[in-house]
Amino acid sequence: GESETSEFYMSVLLNRSSGRNMIMYSTEGGMDIETVAEETPHLIF
């Protein structure tokens, strides 16, 4: 189509340390999020 496709990661879960729900997301979609967290943690928001 008119632009390139892009893949992202997104999850909604409970942050147990704060007791609040949290949206976790990253530009590095389609990969193991554990690998992203280990190798490029600055890419996880």
PDB file of all heavy atoms in Angstrom:
ATOM      1  N   GLY A   1       0.823  -1.215   0.000  1.00  0.00           N
ATOM      2  CA  GLY A   1       0.000   0.000   0.000  1.00  0.00           C
ATOM      3  C   GLY A   1       0.845   1.248   0.000  1.00  0.00           C
ATOM      4  O   GLY A   1       2.015   1.227  -0.401  1.00  0.00           O
ATOM      5  N   GLU A   2       0.256   2.326   0.522  1.00  0.00           N
ATOM      6  CA  GLU A   2       0.895   3.639   0.425  1.00  0.00           C
ATOM      7  C   GLU A   2       2.094   3.813   1.338  1.00  0.00           C
ATOM      8  O   GLU A   2       2.916   4.712   1.143  1.00  0.00           O
ATOM      9  CB  GLU A   2      -0.140   4.727   0.735  1.00  0.00           C
ATOM     10  CG  GLU A   2      -0.725   4.626   2.153  1.00  0.00           C
ATOM     11  CD  GLU A   2      -1.950   5.496   2.351  1.00  0.00           C
ATOM     12  OE1 GLU A   2      -2.974   5.222   1.723  1.00  0.00           O
ATOM     13  OE2 GLU A   2      -1.853   6.446   3.157  1.00  0.00           O
ATOM     14  N   SER A   3       2.213   2.962   2.387  1.00  0.00           N
ATOM     15  CA  SER A   3       3.344   3.091   3.316  1.00  0.00           C
ATOM     16  C   SER A   3       3.820   1.716   3.755  1.00  0.00           C
ATOM     17  O   SER A   3       3.169   0.697   3.486  1.00  0.00           O
ATOM     18  CB  SER A   3       2.929   3.916   4.545  1.00  0.00           C
ATOM     19  OG  SER A   3       1.927   3.224   5.290  1.00  0.00           O
ATOM     20  N   GLU A   4       4.961   1.699   4.438  1.00  0.00           N
ATOM     21  CA  GLU A   4       5.501   0.442   4.953  1.00  0.00           C
ATOM     22  C   GLU A   4       4.701   0.001   6.189  1.00  0.00           C
ATOM     23  O   GLU A   4       4.221   0.834   6.959  1.00  0.00           O
ATOM     24  CB  GLU A   4       6.966   0.617   5.344  1.00  0.00           C
ATOM     25  CG  GLU A   4       7.912   0.843   4.182  1.00  0.00           C
ATOM     26  CD  GLU A   4       8.024  -0.375   3.277  1.00  0.00           C
ATOM     27  OE1 GLU A   4       8.076  -1.513   3.813  1.00  0.00           O
ATOM     28  OE2 GLU A   4       8.017  -0.202   2.051  1.00  0.00           O
ATOM     29  N   THR A   5       4.589  -1.311   6.356  1.00  0.00           N
ATOM     30  CA  THR A   5       3.951  -1.811   7.576  1.00  0.00           C
ATOM     31  C   THR A   5       4.929  -1.692   8.746  1.00  0.00           C
ATOM     32  O   THR A   5       6.149  -1.699   8.555  1.00  0.00           O
ATOM     33  CB  THR A   5       3.537  -3.284   7.421  1.00  0.00           C
ATOM     34  OG1 THR A   5       4.702  -4.072   7.133  1.00  0.00           O
ATOM     35  CG2 THR A   5       2.515  -3.462   6.318  1.00  0.00           C
ATOM     36  N   SER A   6       4.377  -1.572   9.952  1.00  0.00           N
ATOM     37  CA  SER A   6       5.198  -1.511  11.170  1.00  0.00           C
ATOM     38  C   SER A   6       4.576  -2.400  12.228  1.00  0.00           C
ATOM     39  O   SER A   6       3.337  -2.467  12.346  1.00  0.00           O
ATOM     40  CB  SER A   6       5.292  -0.079  11.708  1.00  0.00           C
ATOM     41  OG  SER A   6       5.872   0.783  10.766  1.00  0.00           O
ATOM     42  N   GLU A   7       5.433  -3.073  13.016  1.00  0.00           N
ATOM     43  CA  GLU A   7       4.956  -3.946  14.091  1.00  0.00           C
ATOM     44  C   GLU A   7       5.352  -3.369  15.450  1.00  0.00           C
ATOM     45  O   GLU A   7       6.492  -2.942  15.649  1.00  0.00           O
ATOM     46  CB  GLU A   7       5.546  -5.356  13.937  1.00  0.00           C
ATOM     47  CG  GLU A   7       5.021  -6.106  12.726  1.00  0.00           C
ATOM     48  CD  GLU A   7       5.571  -7.520  12.650  1.00  0.00           C
ATOM     49  OE1 GLU A   7       6.694  -7.750  13.163  1.00  0.00           O
ATOM     50  OE2 GLU A   7       4.901  -8.392  12.080  1.00  0.00           O
ATOM     51  N   PHE A   8       4.384  -3.401  16.378  1.00  0.00           N
ATOM     52  CA  PHE A   8       4.621  -2.917  17.737  1.00  0.00           C
ATOM     53  C   PHE A   8       4.235  -4.007  18.737  1.00  0.00           C
ATOM     54  O   PHE A   8       3.535  -4.964  18.392  1.00  0.00           O
ATOM     55  CB  PHE A   8       3.784  -1.661  18.019  1.00  0.00           C
ATOM     56  CG  PHE A   8       3.926  -0.587  16.986  1.00  0.00           C
ATOM     57  CD1 PHE A   8       2.885  -0.296  16.114  1.00  0.00           C
ATOM     58  CD2 PHE A   8       5.097   0.135  16.864  1.00  0.00           C
ATOM     59  CE1 PHE A   8       3.011   0.688  15.140  1.00  0.00           C
ATOM     60  CE2 PHE A   8       5.238   1.122  15.911  1.00  0.00           C
ATOM     61  CZ  PHE A   8       4.189   1.408  15.034  1.00  0.00           C
ATOM     62  N   TYR A   9       4.707  -3.825  19.955  1.00  0.00           N
ATOM     63  CA  TYR A   9       4.300  -4.699  21.071  1.00  0.00           C
ATOM     64  C   TYR A   9       3.436  -3.883  22.016  1.00  0.00           C
ATOM     65  O   TYR A   9       3.732  -2.715  22.298  1.00  0.00           O
ATOM     66  CB  TYR A   9       5.529  -5.224  21.823  1.00  0.00           C
ATOM     67  CG  TYR A   9       5.173  -5.924  23.124  1.00  0.00           C
ATOM     68  CD1 TYR A   9       4.920  -7.297  23.151  1.00  0.00           C
ATOM     69  CD2 TYR A   9       5.049  -5.205  24.313  1.00  0.00           C
ATOM     70  CE1 TYR A   9       4.569  -7.936  24.327  1.00  0.00           C
ATOM     71  CE2 TYR A   9       4.699  -5.845  25.496  1.00  0.00           C
ATOM     72  CZ  TYR A   9       4.462  -7.204  25.493  1.00  0.00           C
ATOM     73  OH  TYR A   9       4.104  -7.833  26.659  1.00  0.00           O
ATOM     74  N   MET A  10       2.360  -4.513  22.545  1.00  0.00           N
ATOM     75  CA  MET A  10       1.535  -3.827  23.536  1.00  0.00           C
ATOM     76  C   MET A  10       0.873  -4.842  24.454  1.00  0.00           C
ATOM     77  O   MET A  10       0.380  -5.882  24.007  1.00  0.00           O
ATOM     78  CB  MET A  10       0.470  -2.962  22.860  1.00  0.00           C
ATOM     79  CG  MET A  10      -0.251  -2.021  23.823  1.00  0.00           C
ATOM     80  SD  MET A  10      -1.340  -0.851  22.967  1.00  0.00           S
ATOM     81  CE  MET A  10      -0.137   0.050  21.982  1.00  0.00           C
ATOM     82  N   SER A  11       0.867  -4.540  25.737  1.00  0.00           N
ATOM     83  CA  SER A  11       0.161  -5.389  26.700  1.00  0.00           C
ATOM     84  C   SER A  11      -0.442  -4.519  27.785  1.00  0.00           C
ATOM     85  O   SER A  11       0.030  -3.402  28.043  1.00  0.00           O
ATOM     86  CB  SER A  11       1.101  -6.428  27.311  1.00  0.00           C
ATOM     87  OG  SER A  11       2.137  -5.808  28.055  1.00  0.00           O
ATOM     88  N   VAL A  12      -1.499  -5.032  28.398  1.00  0.00           N
ATOM     89  CA  VAL A  12      -2.100  -4.403  29.573  1.00  0.00           C
ATOM     90  C   VAL A  12      -2.051  -5.434  30.688  1.00  0.00           C
ATOM     91  O   VAL A  12      -2.471  -6.584  30.498  1.00  0.00           O
ATOM     92  CB  VAL A  12      -3.554  -3.961  29.321  1.00  0.00           C
ATOM     93  CG1 VAL A  12      -4.066  -3.143  30.503  1.00  0.00           C
ATOM     94  CG2 VAL A  12      -3.682  -3.175  28.036  1.00  0.00           C
ATOM     95  N   LEU A  13      -1.529  -5.043  31.824  1.00  0.00           N
ATOM     96  CA  LEU A  13      -1.361  -5.974  32.935  1.00  0.00           C
ATOM     97  C   LEU A  13      -1.301  -5.202  34.240  1.00  0.00           C
ATOM     98  O   LEU A  13      -1.293  -3.964  34.249  1.00  0.00           O
ATOM     99  CB  LEU A  13      -0.111  -6.829  32.758  1.00  0.00           C
ATOM    100  CG  LEU A  13       1.254  -6.126  32.849  1.00  0.00           C
ATOM    101  CD1 LEU A  13       2.348  -7.165  33.083  1.00  0.00           C
ATOM    102  CD2 LEU A  13       1.571  -5.346  31.568  1.00  0.00           C
ATOM    103  N   LEU A  14      -1.252  -5.930  35.351  1.00  0.00           N
ATOM    104  CA  LEU A  14      -1.167  -5.309  36.669  1.00  0.00           C
ATOM    105  C   LEU A  14       0.293  -5.148  37.069  1.00  0.00           C
ATOM    106  O   LEU A  14       1.060  -6.111  37.039  1.00  0.00           O
ATOM    107  CB  LEU A  14      -1.897  -6.159  37.710  1.00  0.00           C
ATOM    108  CG  LEU A  14      -1.795  -5.693  39.168  1.00  0.00           C
ATOM    109  CD1 LEU A  14      -2.511  -4.353  39.349  1.00  0.00           C
ATOM    110  CD2 LEU A  14      -2.380  -6.741  40.109  1.00  0.00           C
ATOM    111  N   ASN A  15       0.675  -3.934  37.424  1.00  0.00           N
ATOM    112  CA  ASN A  15       1.991  -3.689  38.003  1.00  0.00           C
ATOM    113  C   ASN A  15       1.886  -3.989  39.494  1.00  0.00           C
ATOM    114  O   ASN A  15       1.319  -3.209  40.261  1.00  0.00           O
ATOM    115  CB  ASN A  15       2.405  -2.236  37.775  1.00  0.00           C
ATOM    116  CG  ASN A  15       3.802  -1.948  38.309  1.00  0.00           C
ATOM    117  OD1 ASN A  15       4.352  -2.719  39.105  1.00  0.00           O
ATOM    118  ND2 ASN A  15       4.378  -0.841  37.870  1.00  0.00           N
ATOM    119  N   ARG A  16       2.402  -5.127  39.911  1.00  0.00           N
ATOM    120  CA  ARG A  16       2.204  -5.574  41.290  1.00  0.00           C
ATOM    121  C   ARG A  16       2.926  -4.695  42.306  1.00  0.00           C
ATOM    122  O   ARG A  16       2.530  -4.623  43.468  1.00  0.00           O
ATOM    123  CB  ARG A  16       2.646  -7.036  41.429  1.00  0.00           C
ATOM    124  CG  ARG A  16       1.798  -7.975  40.583  1.00  0.00           C
ATOM    125  CD  ARG A  16       2.125  -9.429  40.824  1.00  0.00           C
ATOM    126  NE  ARG A  16       1.341 -10.293  39.947  1.00  0.00           N
ATOM    127  CZ  ARG A  16       0.089 -10.666  40.181  1.00  0.00           C
ATOM    128  NH1 ARG A  16      -0.522 -10.254  41.275  1.00  0.00           N
ATOM    129  NH2 ARG A  16      -0.563 -11.442  39.341  1.00  0.00           N
ATOM    130  N   SER A  17       3.987  -4.045  41.898  1.00  0.00           N
ATOM    131  CA  SER A  17       4.721  -3.208  42.844  1.00  0.00           C
ATOM    132  C   SER A  17       3.950  -1.940  43.201  1.00  0.00           C
ATOM    133  O   SER A  17       4.051  -1.440  44.323  1.00  0.00           O
ATOM    134  CB  SER A  17       6.102  -2.847  42.289  1.00  0.00           C
ATOM    135  OG  SER A  17       5.982  -2.111  41.086  1.00  0.00           O
ATOM    136  N   SER A  18       3.176  -1.421  42.255  1.00  0.00           N
ATOM    137  CA  SER A  18       2.415  -0.193  42.517  1.00  0.00           C
ATOM    138  C   SER A  18       0.935  -0.471  42.755  1.00  0.00           C
ATOM    139  O   SER A  18       0.214   0.405  43.239  1.00  0.00           O
ATOM    140  CB  SER A  18       2.563   0.779  41.338  1.00  0.00           C
ATOM    141  OG  SER A  18       1.950   0.243  40.172  1.00  0.00           O
ATOM    142  N   GLY A  19       0.478  -1.675  42.398  1.00  0.00           N
ATOM    143  CA  GLY A  19      -0.935  -2.009  42.562  1.00  0.00           C
ATOM    144  C   GLY A  19      -1.826  -1.337  41.538  1.00  0.00           C
ATOM    145  O   GLY A  19      -3.034  -1.203  41.743  1.00  0.00           O
ATOM    146  N   ARG A  20      -1.254  -0.932  40.407  1.00  0.00           N
ATOM    147  CA  ARG A  20      -2.029  -0.247  39.368  1.00  0.00           C
ATOM    148  C   ARG A  20      -1.909  -0.992  38.041  1.00  0.00           C
ATOM    149  O   ARG A  20      -0.890  -1.629  37.749  1.00  0.00           O
ATOM    150  CB  ARG A  20      -1.531   1.190  39.180  1.00  0.00           C
ATOM    151  CG  ARG A  20      -1.799   2.096  40.381  1.00  0.00           C
ATOM    152  CD  ARG A  20      -1.361   3.512  40.077  1.00  0.00           C
ATOM    153  NE  ARG A  20      -1.780   4.440  41.134  1.00  0.00           N
ATOM    154  CZ  ARG A  20      -1.708   5.760  41.036  1.00  0.00           C
ATOM    155  NH1 ARG A  20      -1.214   6.311  39.935  1.00  0.00           N
ATOM    156  NH2 ARG A  20      -2.108   6.531  42.029  1.00  0.00           N
ATOM    157  N   ASN A  21      -2.955  -0.870  37.220  1.00  0.00           N
ATOM    158  CA  ASN A  21      -2.876  -1.403  35.867  1.00  0.00           C
ATOM    159  C   ASN A  21      -1.873  -0.588  35.062  1.00  0.00           C
ATOM    160  O   ASN A  21      -1.671   0.608  35.317  1.00  0.00           O
ATOM    161  CB  ASN A  21      -4.242  -1.362  35.187  1.00  0.00           C
ATOM    162  CG  ASN A  21      -5.209  -2.363  35.789  1.00  0.00           C
ATOM    163  OD1 ASN A  21      -4.806  -3.420  36.263  1.00  0.00           O
ATOM    164  ND2 ASN A  21      -6.491  -2.036  35.774  1.00  0.00           N
ATOM    165  N   MET A  22      -1.279  -1.234  34.072  1.00  0.00           N
ATOM    166  CA  MET A  22      -0.199  -0.599  33.326  1.00  0.00           C
ATOM    167  C   MET A  22      -0.263  -1.033  31.864  1.00  0.00           C
ATOM    168  O   MET A  22      -0.534  -2.199  31.564  1.00  0.00           O
ATOM    169  CB  MET A  22       1.132  -1.026  33.946  1.00  0.00           C
ATOM    170  CG  MET A  22       2.366  -0.575  33.215  1.00  0.00           C
ATOM    171  SD  MET A  22       3.868  -1.084  34.108  1.00  0.00           S
ATOM    172  CE  MET A  22       3.902  -2.834  33.724  1.00  0.00           C
ATOM    173  N   ILE A  23      -0.033  -0.102  30.982  1.00  0.00           N
ATOM    174  CA  ILE A  23       0.143  -0.415  29.562  1.00  0.00           C
ATOM    175  C   ILE A  23       1.641  -0.466  29.293  1.00  0.00           C
ATOM    176  O   ILE A  23       2.360   0.497  29.571  1.00  0.00           O
ATOM    177  CB  ILE A  23      -0.532   0.630  28.659  1.00  0.00           C
ATOM    178  CG1 ILE A  23      -2.042   0.654  28.909  1.00  0.00           C
ATOM    179  CG2 ILE A  23      -0.253   0.320  27.184  1.00  0.00           C
ATOM    180  CD1 ILE A  23      -2.772   1.745  28.153  1.00  0.00           C
ATOM    181  N   MET A  24       2.107  -1.597  28.790  1.00  0.00           N
ATOM    182  CA  MET A  24       3.511  -1.736  28.412  1.00  0.00           C
ATOM    183  C   MET A  24       3.564  -1.820  26.889  1.00  0.00           C
ATOM    184  O   MET A  24       2.794  -2.570  26.286  1.00  0.00           O
ATOM    185  CB  MET A  24       4.107  -3.003  29.038  1.00  0.00           C
ATOM    186  CG  MET A  24       5.584  -3.208  28.733  1.00  0.00           C
ATOM    187  SD  MET A  24       6.213  -4.788  29.381  1.00  0.00           S
ATOM    188  CE  MET A  24       6.005  -4.544  31.125  1.00  0.00           C
ATOM    189  N   TYR A  25       4.463  -1.071  26.275  1.00  0.00           N
ATOM    190  CA  TYR A  25       4.483  -1.049  24.820  1.00  0.00           C
ATOM    191  C   TYR A  25       5.893  -0.787  24.301  1.00  0.00           C
ATOM    192  O   TYR A  25       6.761  -0.294  25.012  1.00  0.00           O
ATOM    193  CB  TYR A  25       3.493  -0.022  24.270  1.00  0.00           C
ATOM    194  CG  TYR A  25       3.726   1.407  24.734  1.00  0.00           C
ATOM    195  CD1 TYR A  25       4.301   2.351  23.893  1.00  0.00           C
ATOM    196  CD2 TYR A  25       3.345   1.830  26.011  1.00  0.00           C
ATOM    197  CE1 TYR A  25       4.502   3.661  24.299  1.00  0.00           C
ATOM    198  CE2 TYR A  25       3.542   3.133  26.432  1.00  0.00           C
ATOM    199  CZ  TYR A  25       4.125   4.048  25.575  1.00  0.00           C
ATOM    200  OH  TYR A  25       4.331   5.346  25.979  1.00  0.00           O
ATOM    201  N   SER A  26       6.107  -1.153  23.039  1.00  0.00           N
ATOM    202  CA  SER A  26       7.440  -1.013  22.449  1.00  0.00           C
ATOM    203  C   SER A  26       7.329  -0.924  20.938  1.00  0.00           C
ATOM    204  O   SER A  26       6.374  -1.436  20.330  1.00  0.00           O
ATOM    205  CB  SER A  26       8.311  -2.218  22.828  1.00  0.00           C
ATOM    206  OG  SER A  26       9.568  -2.178  22.161  1.00  0.00           O
ATOM    207  N   THR A  27       8.314  -0.287  20.347  1.00  0.00           N
ATOM    208  CA  THR A  27       8.404  -0.237  18.883  1.00  0.00           C
ATOM    209  C   THR A  27       8.881  -1.570  18.316  1.00  0.00           C
ATOM    210  O   THR A  27       8.779  -1.805  17.111  1.00  0.00           O
ATOM    211  CB  THR A  27       9.384   0.852  18.449  1.00  0.00           C
ATOM    212  OG1 THR A  27      10.637   0.640  19.119  1.00  0.00           O
ATOM    213  CG2 THR A  27       8.855   2.238  18.790  1.00  0.00           C
ATOM    214  N   GLU A  28       9.406  -2.426  19.186  1.00  0.00           N
ATOM    215  CA  GLU A  28       9.985  -3.703  18.739  1.00  0.00           C
ATOM    216  C   GLU A  28       8.940  -4.819  18.799  1.00  0.00           C
ATOM    217  O   GLU A  28       9.019  -5.731  19.614  1.00  0.00           O
ATOM    218  CB  GLU A  28      11.199  -4.063  19.595  1.00  0.00           C
ATOM    219  CG  GLU A  28      12.257  -2.981  19.654  1.00  0.00           C
ATOM    220  CD  GLU A  28      12.737  -2.570  18.265  1.00  0.00           C
ATOM    221  OE1 GLU A  28      13.405  -3.403  17.610  1.00  0.00           O
ATOM    222  OE2 GLU A  28      12.452  -1.439  17.839  1.00  0.00           O
ATOM    223  N   GLY A  29       7.948  -4.763  17.944  1.00  0.00           N
ATOM    224  CA  GLY A  29       6.912  -5.782  17.907  1.00  0.00           C
ATOM    225  C   GLY A  29       7.343  -6.998  17.116  1.00  0.00           C
ATOM    226  O   GLY A  29       8.274  -6.940  16.302  1.00  0.00           O
ATOM    227  N   GLY A  30       6.674  -8.136  17.371  1.00  0.00           N
ATOM    228  CA  GLY A  30       6.987  -9.363  16.664  1.00  0.00           C
ATOM    229  C   GLY A  30       8.170 -10.112  17.234  1.00  0.00           C
ATOM    230  O   GLY A  30       8.530 -11.185  16.768  1.00  0.00           O
ATOM    231  N   MET A  31       8.808  -9.539  18.267  1.00  0.00           N
ATOM    232  CA  MET A  31       9.955 -10.185  18.920  1.00  0.00           C
ATOM    233  C   MET A  31       9.552 -10.633  20.317  1.00  0.00           C
ATOM    234  O   MET A  31       8.521 -10.214  20.851  1.00  0.00           O
ATOM    235  CB  MET A  31      11.134  -9.207  19.034  1.00  0.00           C
ATOM    236  CG  MET A  31      11.714  -8.736  17.723  1.00  0.00           C
ATOM    237  SD  MET A  31      13.024  -7.523  17.981  1.00  0.00           S
ATOM    238  CE  MET A  31      14.201  -8.444  18.956  1.00  0.00           C
ATOM    239  N   ASP A  32      10.389 -11.476  20.928  1.00  0.00           N
ATOM    240  CA  ASP A  32      10.181 -11.830  22.328  1.00  0.00           C
ATOM    241  C   ASP A  32      10.420 -10.588  23.172  1.00  0.00           C
ATOM    242  O   ASP A  32      11.521 -10.021  23.155  1.00  0.00           O
ATOM    243  CB  ASP A  32      11.153 -12.939  22.769  1.00  0.00           C
ATOM    244  CG  ASP A  32      10.859 -14.258  22.079  1.00  0.00           C
ATOM    245  OD1 ASP A  32       9.702 -14.470  21.706  1.00  0.00           O
ATOM    246  OD2 ASP A  32      11.800 -15.068  21.927  1.00  0.00           O
ATOM    247  N   ILE A  33       9.412 -10.177  23.916  1.00  0.00           N
ATOM    248  CA  ILE A  33       9.553  -8.955  24.711  1.00  0.00           C
ATOM    249  C   ILE A  33      10.622  -9.132  25.786  1.00  0.00           C
ATOM    250  O   ILE A  33      11.280  -8.163  26.193  1.00  0.00           O
ATOM    251  CB  ILE A  33       8.192  -8.536  25.324  1.00  0.00           C
ATOM    252  CG1 ILE A  33       8.254  -7.093  25.836  1.00  0.00           C
ATOM    253  CG2 ILE A  33       7.769  -9.496  26.416  1.00  0.00           C
ATOM    254  CD1 ILE A  33       8.494  -6.051  24.756  1.00  0.00           C
ATOM    255  N   GLU A  34      10.846 -10.381  26.226  1.00  0.00           N
ATOM    256  CA  GLU A  34      11.899 -10.639  27.210  1.00  0.00           C
ATOM    257  C   GLU A  34      13.276 -10.307  26.629  1.00  0.00           C
ATOM    258  O   GLU A  34      14.141  -9.771  27.321  1.00  0.00           O
ATOM    259  CB  GLU A  34      11.863 -12.101  27.667  1.00  0.00           C
ATOM    260  CG  GLU A  34      10.630 -12.508  28.451  1.00  0.00           C
ATOM    261  CD  GLU A  34       9.457 -12.877  27.565  1.00  0.00           C
ATOM    262  OE1 GLU A  34       9.621 -12.869  26.318  1.00  0.00           O
ATOM    263  OE2 GLU A  34       8.376 -13.151  28.104  1.00  0.00           O
ATOM    264  N   THR A  35      13.466 -10.624  25.347  1.00  0.00           N
ATOM    265  CA  THR A  35      14.729 -10.319  24.678  1.00  0.00           C
ATOM    266  C   THR A  35      14.917  -8.815  24.546  1.00  0.00           C
ATOM    267  O   THR A  35      16.015  -8.285  24.752  1.00  0.00           O
ATOM    268  CB  THR A  35      14.769 -10.977  23.286  1.00  0.00           C
ATOM    269  OG1 THR A  35      14.573 -12.381  23.422  1.00  0.00           O
ATOM    270  CG2 THR A  35      16.092 -10.715  22.594  1.00  0.00           C
ATOM    271  N   VAL A  36      13.837  -8.123  24.197  1.00  0.00           N
ATOM    272  CA  VAL A  36      13.893  -6.662  24.075  1.00  0.00           C
ATOM    273  C   VAL A  36      14.259  -6.042  25.426  1.00  0.00           C
ATOM    274  O   VAL A  36      15.105  -5.146  25.513  1.00  0.00           O
ATOM    275  CB  VAL A  36      12.545  -6.097  23.586  1.00  0.00           C
ATOM    276  CG1 VAL A  36      12.596  -4.572  23.515  1.00  0.00           C
ATOM    277  CG2 VAL A  36      12.184  -6.671  22.225  1.00  0.00           C
ATOM    278  N   ALA A  37      13.617  -6.545  26.493  1.00  0.00           N
ATOM    279  CA  ALA A  37      13.873  -6.011  27.840  1.00  0.00           C
ATOM    280  C   ALA A  37      15.327  -6.218  28.256  1.00  0.00           C
ATOM    281  O   ALA A  37      15.919  -5.381  28.942  1.00  0.00           O
ATOM    282  CB  ALA A  37      12.938  -6.671  28.843  1.00  0.00           C
ATOM    283  N   GLU A  38      15.899  -7.335  27.835  1.00  0.00           N
ATOM    284  CA  GLU A  38      17.273  -7.665  28.224  1.00  0.00           C
ATOM    285  C   GLU A  38      18.305  -6.892  27.407  1.00  0.00           C
ATOM    286  O   GLU A  38      19.294  -6.393  27.950  1.00  0.00           O
ATOM    287  CB  GLU A  38      17.497  -9.174  28.046  1.00  0.00           C
ATOM    288  CG  GLU A  38      18.850  -9.656  28.530  1.00  0.00           C
ATOM    289  CD  GLU A  38      19.025 -11.159  28.379  1.00  0.00           C
ATOM    290  OE1 GLU A  38      18.002 -11.874  28.298  1.00  0.00           O
ATOM    291  OE2 GLU A  38      20.180 -11.622  28.339  1.00  0.00           O
ATOM    292  N   GLU A  39      18.060  -6.783  26.096  1.00  0.00           N
ATOM    293  CA  GLU A  39      19.074  -6.217  25.205  1.00  0.00           C
ATOM    294  C   GLU A  39      18.884  -4.726  24.936  1.00  0.00           C
ATOM    295  O   GLU A  39      19.869  -3.984  24.792  1.00  0.00           O
ATOM    296  CB  GLU A  39      19.077  -6.990  23.881  1.00  0.00           C
ATOM    297  CG  GLU A  39      19.451  -8.464  24.060  1.00  0.00           C
ATOM    298  CD  GLU A  39      19.408  -9.240  22.755  1.00  0.00           C
ATOM    299  OE1 GLU A  39      19.067  -8.624  21.703  1.00  0.00           O
ATOM    300  OE2 GLU A  39      19.694 -10.451  22.777  1.00  0.00           O
ATOM    301  N   THR A  40      17.628  -4.276  24.845  1.00  0.00           N
ATOM    302  CA  THR A  40      17.361  -2.856  24.559  1.00  0.00           C
ATOM    303  C   THR A  40      16.230  -2.341  25.449  1.00  0.00           C
ATOM    304  O   THR A  40      15.144  -2.001  24.962  1.00  0.00           O
ATOM    305  CB  THR A  40      16.984  -2.664  23.075  1.00  0.00           C
ATOM    306  OG1 THR A  40      15.910  -3.579  22.748  1.00  0.00           O
ATOM    307  CG2 THR A  40      18.157  -2.917  22.158  1.00  0.00           C
ATOM    308  N   PRO A  41      16.467  -2.287  26.762  1.00  0.00           N
ATOM    309  CA  PRO A  41      15.393  -1.897  27.695  1.00  0.00           C
ATOM    310  C   PRO A  41      14.845  -0.491  27.460  1.00  0.00           C
ATOM    311  O   PRO A  41      13.705  -0.207  27.827  1.00  0.00           O
ATOM    312  CB  PRO A  41      16.059  -2.017  29.069  1.00  0.00           C
ATOM    313  CG  PRO A  41      17.526  -1.943  28.810  1.00  0.00           C
ATOM    314  CD  PRO A  41      17.729  -2.569  27.472  1.00  0.00           C
ATOM    315  N   HIS A  42      15.645   0.387  26.834  1.00  0.00           N
ATOM    316  CA  HIS A  42      15.191   1.763  26.585  1.00  0.00           C
ATOM    317  C   HIS A  42      14.082   1.816  25.535  1.00  0.00           C
ATOM    318  O   HIS A  42      13.436   2.867  25.370  1.00  0.00           O
ATOM    319  CB  HIS A  42      16.374   2.635  26.146  1.00  0.00           C
ATOM    320  CG  HIS A  42      17.028   2.173  24.867  1.00  0.00           C
ATOM    321  ND1 HIS A  42      17.873   1.081  24.816  1.00  0.00           N
ATOM    322  CD2 HIS A  42      16.942   2.654  23.589  1.00  0.00           C
ATOM    323  CE1 HIS A  42      18.288   0.911  23.573  1.00  0.00           C
ATOM    324  NE2 HIS A  42      17.743   1.842  22.817  1.00  0.00           N
ATOM    325  N   LEU A  43      13.855   0.703  24.845  1.00  0.00           N
ATOM    326  CA  LEU A  43      12.807   0.664  23.822  1.00  0.00           C
ATOM    327  C   LEU A  43      11.467   0.181  24.371  1.00  0.00           C
ATOM    328  O   LEU A  43      10.516  -0.002  23.617  1.00  0.00           O
ATOM    329  CB  LEU A  43      13.243  -0.227  22.655  1.00  0.00           C
ATOM    330  CG  LEU A  43      14.473   0.255  21.875  1.00  0.00           C
ATOM    331  CD1 LEU A  43      14.842  -0.741  20.788  1.00  0.00           C
ATOM    332  CD2 LEU A  43      14.218   1.644  21.275  1.00  0.00           C
ATOM    333  N   ILE A  44      11.407  -0.052  25.675  1.00  0.00           N
ATOM    334  CA  ILE A  44      10.149  -0.451  26.312  1.00  0.00           C
ATOM    335  C   ILE A  44       9.612   0.725  27.126  1.00  0.00           C
ATOM    336  O   ILE A  44      10.324   1.314  27.951  1.00  0.00           O
ATOM    337  CB  ILE A  44      10.341  -1.680  27.214  1.00  0.00           C
ATOM    338  CG1 ILE A  44      10.712  -2.902  26.371  1.00  0.00           C
ATOM    339  CG2 ILE A  44       9.061  -1.971  28.012  1.00  0.00           C
ATOM    340  CD1 ILE A  44      10.939  -4.151  27.167  1.00  0.00           C
ATOM    341  N   PHE A  45       8.360   1.072  26.879  1.00  0.00           N
ATOM    342  CA  PHE A  45       7.699   2.176  27.583  1.00  0.00           C
ATOM    343  C   PHE A  45       6.569   1.632  28.439  1.00  0.00           C
ATOM    344  O   PHE A  45       5.988   0.577  28.127  1.00  0.00           O
ATOM    345  CB  PHE A  45       7.115   3.184  26.586  1.00  0.00           C
ATOM    346  CG  PHE A  45       8.119   3.760  25.625  1.00  0.00           C
ATOM    347  CD1 PHE A  45       8.369   3.135  24.410  1.00  0.00           C
ATOM    348  CD2 PHE A  45       8.808   4.921  25.926  1.00  0.00           C
ATOM    349  CE1 PHE A  45       9.286   3.653  23.500  1.00  0.00           C
ATOM    350  CE2 PHE A  45       9.729   5.450  25.038  1.00  0.00           C
ATOM    351  CZ  PHE A  45       9.973   4.819  23.820  1.00  0.00           C
TER     352      PHE A  45
END
